[in-house]
Amino acid sequence: VENIREMAPEAEVTEYDVYSKCADDLRNG
């Protein structure tokens, strides 16, 4: 998360407690 905010400051970042939830969001668009 820190790297994304530093290297792509205009990204809209979503944070979860586990990566499986990120995978679900990617699958569902």
PDB file of all heavy atoms in Angstrom:
ATOM      1  N   VAL A   1       0.838  -1.202   0.000  1.00  0.00           N
ATOM      2  CA  VAL A   1       0.000   0.000   0.000  1.00  0.00           C
ATOM      3  C   VAL A   1       0.872   1.251   0.000  1.00  0.00           C
ATOM      4  O   VAL A   1       0.624   2.206  -0.758  1.00  0.00           O
ATOM      5  CB  VAL A   1      -0.954   0.001   1.215  1.00  0.00           C
ATOM      6  CG1 VAL A   1      -1.630   1.354   1.359  1.00  0.00           C
ATOM      7  CG2 VAL A   1      -2.003  -1.088   1.066  1.00  0.00           C
ATOM      8  N   GLU A   2       1.892   1.252   0.837  1.00  0.00           N
ATOM      9  CA  GLU A   2       2.800   2.402   0.895  1.00  0.00           C
ATOM     10  C   GLU A   2       3.464   2.641  -0.451  1.00  0.00           C
ATOM     11  O   GLU A   2       3.592   3.785  -0.905  1.00  0.00           O
ATOM     12  CB  GLU A   2       3.871   2.155   1.969  1.00  0.00           C
ATOM     13  CG  GLU A   2       3.320   1.979   3.375  1.00  0.00           C
ATOM     14  CD  GLU A   2       4.380   1.492   4.343  1.00  0.00           C
ATOM     15  OE1 GLU A   2       5.583   1.587   4.001  1.00  0.00           O
ATOM     16  OE2 GLU A   2       4.019   1.015   5.425  1.00  0.00           O
ATOM     17  N   ASN A   3       3.898   1.565  -1.109  1.00  0.00           N
ATOM     18  CA  ASN A   3       4.566   1.694  -2.402  1.00  0.00           C
ATOM     19  C   ASN A   3       3.634   2.253  -3.470  1.00  0.00           C
ATOM     20  O   ASN A   3       4.034   3.087  -4.287  1.00  0.00           O
ATOM     21  CB  ASN A   3       5.107   0.339  -2.852  1.00  0.00           C
ATOM     22  CG  ASN A   3       6.236  -0.163  -1.977  1.00  0.00           C
ATOM     23  OD1 ASN A   3       6.946   0.630  -1.362  1.00  0.00           O
ATOM     24  ND2 ASN A   3       6.411  -1.467  -1.912  1.00  0.00           N
ATOM     25  N   ILE A   4       2.389   1.783  -3.470  1.00  0.00           N
ATOM     26  CA  ILE A   4       1.422   2.282  -4.455  1.00  0.00           C
ATOM     27  C   ILE A   4       1.196   3.781  -4.254  1.00  0.00           C
ATOM     28  O   ILE A   4       1.210   4.555  -5.219  1.00  0.00           O
ATOM     29  CB  ILE A   4       0.081   1.529  -4.356  1.00  0.00           C
ATOM     30  CG1 ILE A   4       0.257   0.055  -4.707  1.00  0.00           C
ATOM     31  CG2 ILE A   4      -0.963   2.167  -5.286  1.00  0.00           C
ATOM     32  CD1 ILE A   4      -0.909  -0.814  -4.278  1.00  0.00           C
ATOM     33  N   ARG A   5       0.997   4.178  -3.007  1.00  0.00           N
ATOM     34  CA  ARG A   5       0.712   5.596  -2.733  1.00  0.00           C
ATOM     35  C   ARG A   5       1.904   6.483  -3.089  1.00  0.00           C
ATOM     36  O   ARG A   5       1.729   7.641  -3.475  1.00  0.00           O
ATOM     37  CB  ARG A   5       0.319   5.763  -1.270  1.00  0.00           C
ATOM     38  CG  ARG A   5      -1.050   5.140  -0.968  1.00  0.00           C
ATOM     39  CD  ARG A   5      -1.683   5.725   0.285  1.00  0.00           C
ATOM     40  NE  ARG A   5      -3.098   5.399   0.320  1.00  0.00           N
ATOM     41  CZ  ARG A   5      -3.676   4.585   1.181  1.00  0.00           C
ATOM     42  NH1 ARG A   5      -2.944   3.998   2.107  1.00  0.00           N
ATOM     43  NH2 ARG A   5      -4.977   4.352   1.140  1.00  0.00           N
ATOM     44  N   GLU A   6       3.103   5.944  -2.959  1.00  0.00           N
ATOM     45  CA  GLU A   6       4.293   6.722  -3.292  1.00  0.00           C
ATOM     46  C   GLU A   6       4.553   6.759  -4.797  1.00  0.00           C
ATOM     47  O   GLU A   6       4.881   7.808  -5.351  1.00  0.00           O
ATOM     48  CB  GLU A   6       5.508   6.116  -2.584  1.00  0.00           C
ATOM     49  CG  GLU A   6       6.814   6.846  -2.883  1.00  0.00           C
ATOM     50  CD  GLU A   6       8.003   6.220  -2.191  1.00  0.00           C
ATOM     51  OE1 GLU A   6       7.810   5.390  -1.284  1.00  0.00           O
ATOM     52  OE2 GLU A   6       9.139   6.556  -2.566  1.00  0.00           O
ATOM     53  N   MET A   7       4.371   5.621  -5.463  1.00  0.00           N
ATOM     54  CA  MET A   7       4.759   5.507  -6.866  1.00  0.00           C
ATOM     55  C   MET A   7       3.620   5.795  -7.836  1.00  0.00           C
ATOM     56  O   MET A   7       3.869   6.090  -9.009  1.00  0.00           O
ATOM     57  CB  MET A   7       5.319   4.103  -7.133  1.00  0.00           C
ATOM     58  CG  MET A   7       6.552   3.775  -6.322  1.00  0.00           C
ATOM     59  SD  MET A   7       7.183   2.122  -6.716  1.00  0.00           S
ATOM     60  CE  MET A   7       8.512   1.990  -5.515  1.00  0.00           C
ATOM     61  N   ALA A   8       2.377   5.695  -7.374  1.00  0.00           N
ATOM     62  CA  ALA A   8       1.211   6.003  -8.207  1.00  0.00           C
ATOM     63  C   ALA A   8       0.236   6.821  -7.364  1.00  0.00           C
ATOM     64  O   ALA A   8      -0.838   6.342  -6.983  1.00  0.00           O
ATOM     65  CB  ALA A   8       0.554   4.726  -8.722  1.00  0.00           C
ATOM     66  N   PRO A   9       0.596   8.061  -7.051  1.00  0.00           N
ATOM     67  CA  PRO A   9      -0.185   8.860  -6.095  1.00  0.00           C
ATOM     68  C   PRO A   9      -1.617   9.161  -6.529  1.00  0.00           C
ATOM     69  O   PRO A   9      -2.437   9.521  -5.690  1.00  0.00           O
ATOM     70  CB  PRO A   9       0.636  10.150  -5.962  1.00  0.00           C
ATOM     71  CG  PRO A   9       1.497  10.195  -7.182  1.00  0.00           C
ATOM     72  CD  PRO A   9       1.789   8.775  -7.545  1.00  0.00           C
ATOM     73  N   GLU A  10      -1.913   9.007  -7.808  1.00  0.00           N
ATOM     74  CA  GLU A  10      -3.269   9.283  -8.284  1.00  0.00           C
ATOM     75  C   GLU A  10      -4.124   8.018  -8.353  1.00  0.00           C
ATOM     76  O   GLU A  10      -5.262   8.068  -8.833  1.00  0.00           O
ATOM     77  CB  GLU A  10      -3.209   9.961  -9.647  1.00  0.00           C
ATOM     78  CG  GLU A  10      -2.547  11.344  -9.594  1.00  0.00           C
ATOM     79  CD  GLU A  10      -2.432  11.984 -10.961  1.00  0.00           C
ATOM     80  OE1 GLU A  10      -3.190  11.596 -11.876  1.00  0.00           O
ATOM     81  OE2 GLU A  10      -1.563  12.857 -11.126  1.00  0.00           O
ATOM     82  N   ALA A  11      -3.605   6.911  -7.876  1.00  0.00           N
ATOM     83  CA  ALA A  11      -4.407   5.684  -7.836  1.00  0.00           C
ATOM     84  C   ALA A  11      -5.458   5.776  -6.737  1.00  0.00           C
ATOM     85  O   ALA A  11      -5.239   6.396  -5.695  1.00  0.00           O
ATOM     86  CB  ALA A  11      -3.507   4.478  -7.585  1.00  0.00           C
ATOM     87  N   GLU A  12      -6.595   5.164  -6.976  1.00  0.00           N
ATOM     88  CA  GLU A  12      -7.648   5.061  -5.961  1.00  0.00           C
ATOM     89  C   GLU A  12      -7.470   3.723  -5.238  1.00  0.00           C
ATOM     90  O   GLU A  12      -7.732   2.670  -5.809  1.00  0.00           O
ATOM     91  CB  GLU A  12      -9.026   5.124  -6.627  1.00  0.00           C
ATOM     92  CG  GLU A  12     -10.191   5.018  -5.668  1.00  0.00           C
ATOM     93  CD  GLU A  12     -11.525   4.962  -6.388  1.00  0.00           C
ATOM     94  OE1 GLU A  12     -11.649   5.577  -7.466  1.00  0.00           O
ATOM     95  OE2 GLU A  12     -12.430   4.284  -5.855  1.00  0.00           O
ATOM     96  N   VAL A  13      -6.983   3.775  -4.012  1.00  0.00           N
ATOM     97  CA  VAL A  13      -6.572   2.560  -3.308  1.00  0.00           C
ATOM     98  C   VAL A  13      -7.674   2.041  -2.393  1.00  0.00           C
ATOM     99  O   VAL A  13      -8.234   2.784  -1.582  1.00  0.00           O
ATOM    100  CB  VAL A  13      -5.289   2.814  -2.484  1.00  0.00           C
ATOM    101  CG1 VAL A  13      -4.860   1.535  -1.766  1.00  0.00           C
ATOM    102  CG2 VAL A  13      -4.163   3.325  -3.389  1.00  0.00           C
ATOM    103  N   THR A  14      -7.974   0.764  -2.531  1.00  0.00           N
ATOM    104  CA  THR A  14      -8.873   0.053  -1.635  1.00  0.00           C
ATOM    105  C   THR A  14      -8.033  -0.894  -0.779  1.00  0.00           C
ATOM    106  O   THR A  14      -7.163  -1.589  -1.311  1.00  0.00           O
ATOM    107  CB  THR A  14      -9.912  -0.763  -2.426  1.00  0.00           C
ATOM    108  OG1 THR A  14     -10.740   0.126  -3.180  1.00  0.00           O
ATOM    109  CG2 THR A  14     -10.791  -1.590  -1.484  1.00  0.00           C
ATOM    110  N   GLU A  15      -8.290  -0.920   0.529  1.00  0.00           N
ATOM    111  CA  GLU A  15      -7.529  -1.785   1.429  1.00  0.00           C
ATOM    112  C   GLU A  15      -8.459  -2.760   2.140  1.00  0.00           C
ATOM    113  O   GLU A  15      -9.527  -2.374   2.615  1.00  0.00           O
ATOM    114  CB  GLU A  15      -6.803  -0.954   2.486  1.00  0.00           C
ATOM    115  CG  GLU A  15      -5.751  -0.007   1.943  1.00  0.00           C
ATOM    116  CD  GLU A  15      -5.096   0.788   3.060  1.00  0.00           C
ATOM    117  OE1 GLU A  15      -4.465   0.167   3.947  1.00  0.00           O
ATOM    118  OE2 GLU A  15      -5.245   2.025   3.065  1.00  0.00           O
ATOM    119  N   TYR A  16      -8.036  -4.017   2.187  1.00  0.00           N
ATOM    120  CA  TYR A  16      -8.750  -5.035   2.954  1.00  0.00           C
ATOM    121  C   TYR A  16      -7.779  -5.680   3.943  1.00  0.00           C
ATOM    122  O   TYR A  16      -6.574  -5.414   3.916  1.00  0.00           O
ATOM    123  CB  TYR A  16      -9.325  -6.101   2.024  1.00  0.00           C
ATOM    124  CG  TYR A  16     -10.494  -5.654   1.196  1.00  0.00           C
ATOM    125  CD1 TYR A  16     -10.421  -5.642  -0.195  1.00  0.00           C
ATOM    126  CD2 TYR A  16     -11.681  -5.259   1.794  1.00  0.00           C
ATOM    127  CE1 TYR A  16     -11.503  -5.243  -0.971  1.00  0.00           C
ATOM    128  CE2 TYR A  16     -12.773  -4.855   1.027  1.00  0.00           C
ATOM    129  CZ  TYR A  16     -12.668  -4.854  -0.346  1.00  0.00           C
ATOM    130  OH  TYR A  16     -13.743  -4.451  -1.098  1.00  0.00           O
ATOM    131  N   ASP A  17      -8.308  -6.573   4.768  1.00  0.00           N
ATOM    132  CA  ASP A  17      -7.443  -7.284   5.709  1.00  0.00           C
ATOM    133  C   ASP A  17      -6.749  -8.475   5.066  1.00  0.00           C
ATOM    134  O   ASP A  17      -5.686  -8.909   5.530  1.00  0.00           O
ATOM    135  CB  ASP A  17      -8.240  -7.732   6.939  1.00  0.00           C
ATOM    136  CG  ASP A  17      -9.451  -8.585   6.593  1.00  0.00           C
ATOM    137  OD1 ASP A  17      -9.905  -8.546   5.429  1.00  0.00           O
ATOM    138  OD2 ASP A  17      -9.951  -9.289   7.492  1.00  0.00           O
ATOM    139  N   VAL A  18      -7.334  -9.031   3.992  1.00  0.00           N
ATOM    140  CA  VAL A  18      -6.745 -10.192   3.321  1.00  0.00           C
ATOM    141  C   VAL A  18      -6.809 -10.015   1.807  1.00  0.00           C
ATOM    142  O   VAL A  18      -7.689  -9.327   1.277  1.00  0.00           O
ATOM    143  CB  VAL A  18      -7.458 -11.503   3.723  1.00  0.00           C
ATOM    144  CG1 VAL A  18      -7.206 -11.833   5.189  1.00  0.00           C
ATOM    145  CG2 VAL A  18      -8.960 -11.422   3.446  1.00  0.00           C
ATOM    146  N   TYR A  19      -5.891 -10.677   1.108  1.00  0.00           N
ATOM    147  CA  TYR A  19      -5.798 -10.526  -0.351  1.00  0.00           C
ATOM    148  C   TYR A  19      -6.942 -11.205  -1.093  1.00  0.00           C
ATOM    149  O   TYR A  19      -7.268 -10.829  -2.228  1.00  0.00           O
ATOM    150  CB  TYR A  19      -4.464 -11.077  -0.859  1.00  0.00           C
ATOM    151  CG  TYR A  19      -3.292 -10.199  -0.511  1.00  0.00           C
ATOM    152  CD1 TYR A  19      -2.366 -10.595   0.449  1.00  0.00           C
ATOM    153  CD2 TYR A  19      -3.110  -8.964  -1.129  1.00  0.00           C
ATOM    154  CE1 TYR A  19      -1.291  -9.782   0.774  1.00  0.00           C
ATOM    155  CE2 TYR A  19      -2.037  -8.154  -0.806  1.00  0.00           C
ATOM    156  CZ  TYR A  19      -1.131  -8.569   0.148  1.00  0.00           C
ATOM    157  OH  TYR A  19      -0.068  -7.767   0.476  1.00  0.00           O
ATOM    158  N   SER A  20      -7.546 -12.206  -0.490  1.00  0.00           N
ATOM    159  CA  SER A  20      -8.641 -12.892  -1.173  1.00  0.00           C
ATOM    160  C   SER A  20      -9.791 -11.938  -1.474  1.00  0.00           C
ATOM    161  O   SER A  20     -10.486 -12.091  -2.488  1.00  0.00           O
ATOM    162  CB  SER A  20      -9.134 -14.075  -0.333  1.00  0.00           C
ATOM    163  OG  SER A  20      -9.468 -13.667   0.979  1.00  0.00           O
ATOM    164  N   LYS A  21      -9.992 -10.931  -0.624  1.00  0.00           N
ATOM    165  CA  LYS A  21     -11.053  -9.950  -0.879  1.00  0.00           C
ATOM    166  C   LYS A  21     -10.685  -9.062  -2.065  1.00  0.00           C
ATOM    167  O   LYS A  21     -11.557  -8.651  -2.839  1.00  0.00           O
ATOM    168  CB  LYS A  21     -11.305  -9.108   0.375  1.00  0.00           C
ATOM    169  CG  LYS A  21     -11.893  -9.905   1.535  1.00  0.00           C
ATOM    170  CD  LYS A  21     -12.101  -9.053   2.774  1.00  0.00           C
ATOM    171  CE  LYS A  21     -12.630  -9.877   3.936  1.00  0.00           C
ATOM    172  NZ  LYS A  21     -12.795  -9.071   5.176  1.00  0.00           N
ATOM    173  N   CYS A  22      -9.397  -8.758  -2.204  1.00  0.00           N
ATOM    174  CA  CYS A  22      -8.946  -8.009  -3.383  1.00  0.00           C
ATOM    175  C   CYS A  22      -9.210  -8.815  -4.658  1.00  0.00           C
ATOM    176  O   CYS A  22      -9.655  -8.271  -5.673  1.00  0.00           O
ATOM    177  CB  CYS A  22      -7.460  -7.695  -3.282  1.00  0.00           C
ATOM    178  SG  CYS A  22      -7.013  -6.396  -2.119  1.00  0.00           S
ATOM    179  N   ALA A  23      -8.916 -10.116  -4.598  1.00  0.00           N
ATOM    180  CA  ALA A  23      -9.152 -10.970  -5.760  1.00  0.00           C
ATOM    181  C   ALA A  23     -10.638 -11.005  -6.114  1.00  0.00           C
ATOM    182  O   ALA A  23     -11.010 -10.965  -7.301  1.00  0.00           O
ATOM    183  CB  ALA A  23      -8.635 -12.379  -5.482  1.00  0.00           C
ATOM    184  N   ASP A  24     -11.492 -11.054  -5.103  1.00  0.00           N
ATOM    185  CA  ASP A  24     -12.939 -11.032  -5.357  1.00  0.00           C
ATOM    186  C   ASP A  24     -13.351  -9.739  -6.057  1.00  0.00           C
ATOM    187  O   ASP A  24     -14.157  -9.757  -6.994  1.00  0.00           O
ATOM    188  CB  ASP A  24     -13.711 -11.163  -4.039  1.00  0.00           C
ATOM    189  CG  ASP A  24     -13.614 -12.560  -3.437  1.00  0.00           C
ATOM    190  OD1 ASP A  24     -13.257 -13.499  -4.169  1.00  0.00           O
ATOM    191  OD2 ASP A  24     -13.890 -12.690  -2.226  1.00  0.00           O
ATOM    192  N   ASP A  25     -12.802  -8.611  -5.604  1.00  0.00           N
ATOM    193  CA  ASP A  25     -13.139  -7.319  -6.224  1.00  0.00           C
ATOM    194  C   ASP A  25     -12.658  -7.247  -7.664  1.00  0.00           C
ATOM    195  O   ASP A  25     -13.337  -6.682  -8.531  1.00  0.00           O
ATOM    196  CB  ASP A  25     -12.524  -6.171  -5.416  1.00  0.00           C
ATOM    197  CG  ASP A  25     -13.417  -5.711  -4.273  1.00  0.00           C
ATOM    198  OD1 ASP A  25     -14.430  -6.383  -4.003  1.00  0.00           O
ATOM    199  OD2 ASP A  25     -13.107  -4.676  -3.642  1.00  0.00           O
ATOM    200  N   LEU A  26     -11.482  -7.805  -7.945  1.00  0.00           N
ATOM    201  CA  LEU A  26     -10.982  -7.800  -9.320  1.00  0.00           C
ATOM    202  C   LEU A  26     -11.863  -8.667 -10.205  1.00  0.00           C
ATOM    203  O   LEU A  26     -12.212  -8.279 -11.330  1.00  0.00           O
ATOM    204  CB  LEU A  26      -9.535  -8.302  -9.356  1.00  0.00           C
ATOM    205  CG  LEU A  26      -8.864  -8.313 -10.732  1.00  0.00           C
ATOM    206  CD1 LEU A  26      -8.809  -6.907 -11.331  1.00  0.00           C
ATOM    207  CD2 LEU A  26      -7.457  -8.905 -10.642  1.00  0.00           C
ATOM    208  N   ARG A  27     -12.250  -9.803  -9.701  1.00  0.00           N
ATOM    209  CA  ARG A  27     -13.108 -10.702 -10.476  1.00  0.00           C
ATOM    210  C   ARG A  27     -14.461 -10.058 -10.785  1.00  0.00           C
ATOM    211  O   ARG A  27     -15.029 -10.252 -11.874  1.00  0.00           O
ATOM    212  CB  ARG A  27     -13.323 -12.012  -9.706  1.00  0.00           C
ATOM    213  CG  ARG A  27     -14.057 -13.076 -10.483  1.00  0.00           C
ATOM    214  CD  ARG A  27     -14.284 -14.316  -9.626  1.00  0.00           C
ATOM    215  NE  ARG A  27     -13.043 -14.986  -9.292  1.00  0.00           N
ATOM    216  CZ  ARG A  27     -12.464 -15.909 -10.053  1.00  0.00           C
ATOM    217  NH1 ARG A  27     -13.012 -16.252 -11.207  1.00  0.00           N
ATOM    218  NH2 ARG A  27     -11.347 -16.501  -9.656  1.00  0.00           N
ATOM    219  N   ASN A  28     -14.974  -9.268  -9.826  1.00  0.00           N
ATOM    220  CA  ASN A  28     -16.295  -8.652  -9.991  1.00  0.00           C
ATOM    221  C   ASN A  28     -16.249  -7.256 -10.612  1.00  0.00           C
ATOM    222  O   ASN A  28     -17.287  -6.594 -10.720  1.00  0.00           O
ATOM    223  CB  ASN A  28     -16.994  -8.580  -8.630  1.00  0.00           C
ATOM    224  CG  ASN A  28     -17.298  -9.960  -8.068  1.00  0.00           C
ATOM    225  OD1 ASN A  28     -17.630 -10.869  -8.812  1.00  0.00           O
ATOM    226  ND2 ASN A  28     -17.166 -10.121  -6.756  1.00  0.00           N
ATOM    227  N   GLY A  29     -15.049  -6.787 -10.978  1.00  0.00           N
ATOM    228  CA  GLY A  29     -14.917  -5.502 -11.658  1.00  0.00           C
ATOM    229  C   GLY A  29     -14.972  -4.296 -10.749  1.00  0.00           C
ATOM    230  O   GLY A  29     -15.092  -3.164 -11.229  1.00  0.00           O
TER     231      GLY A  29
END
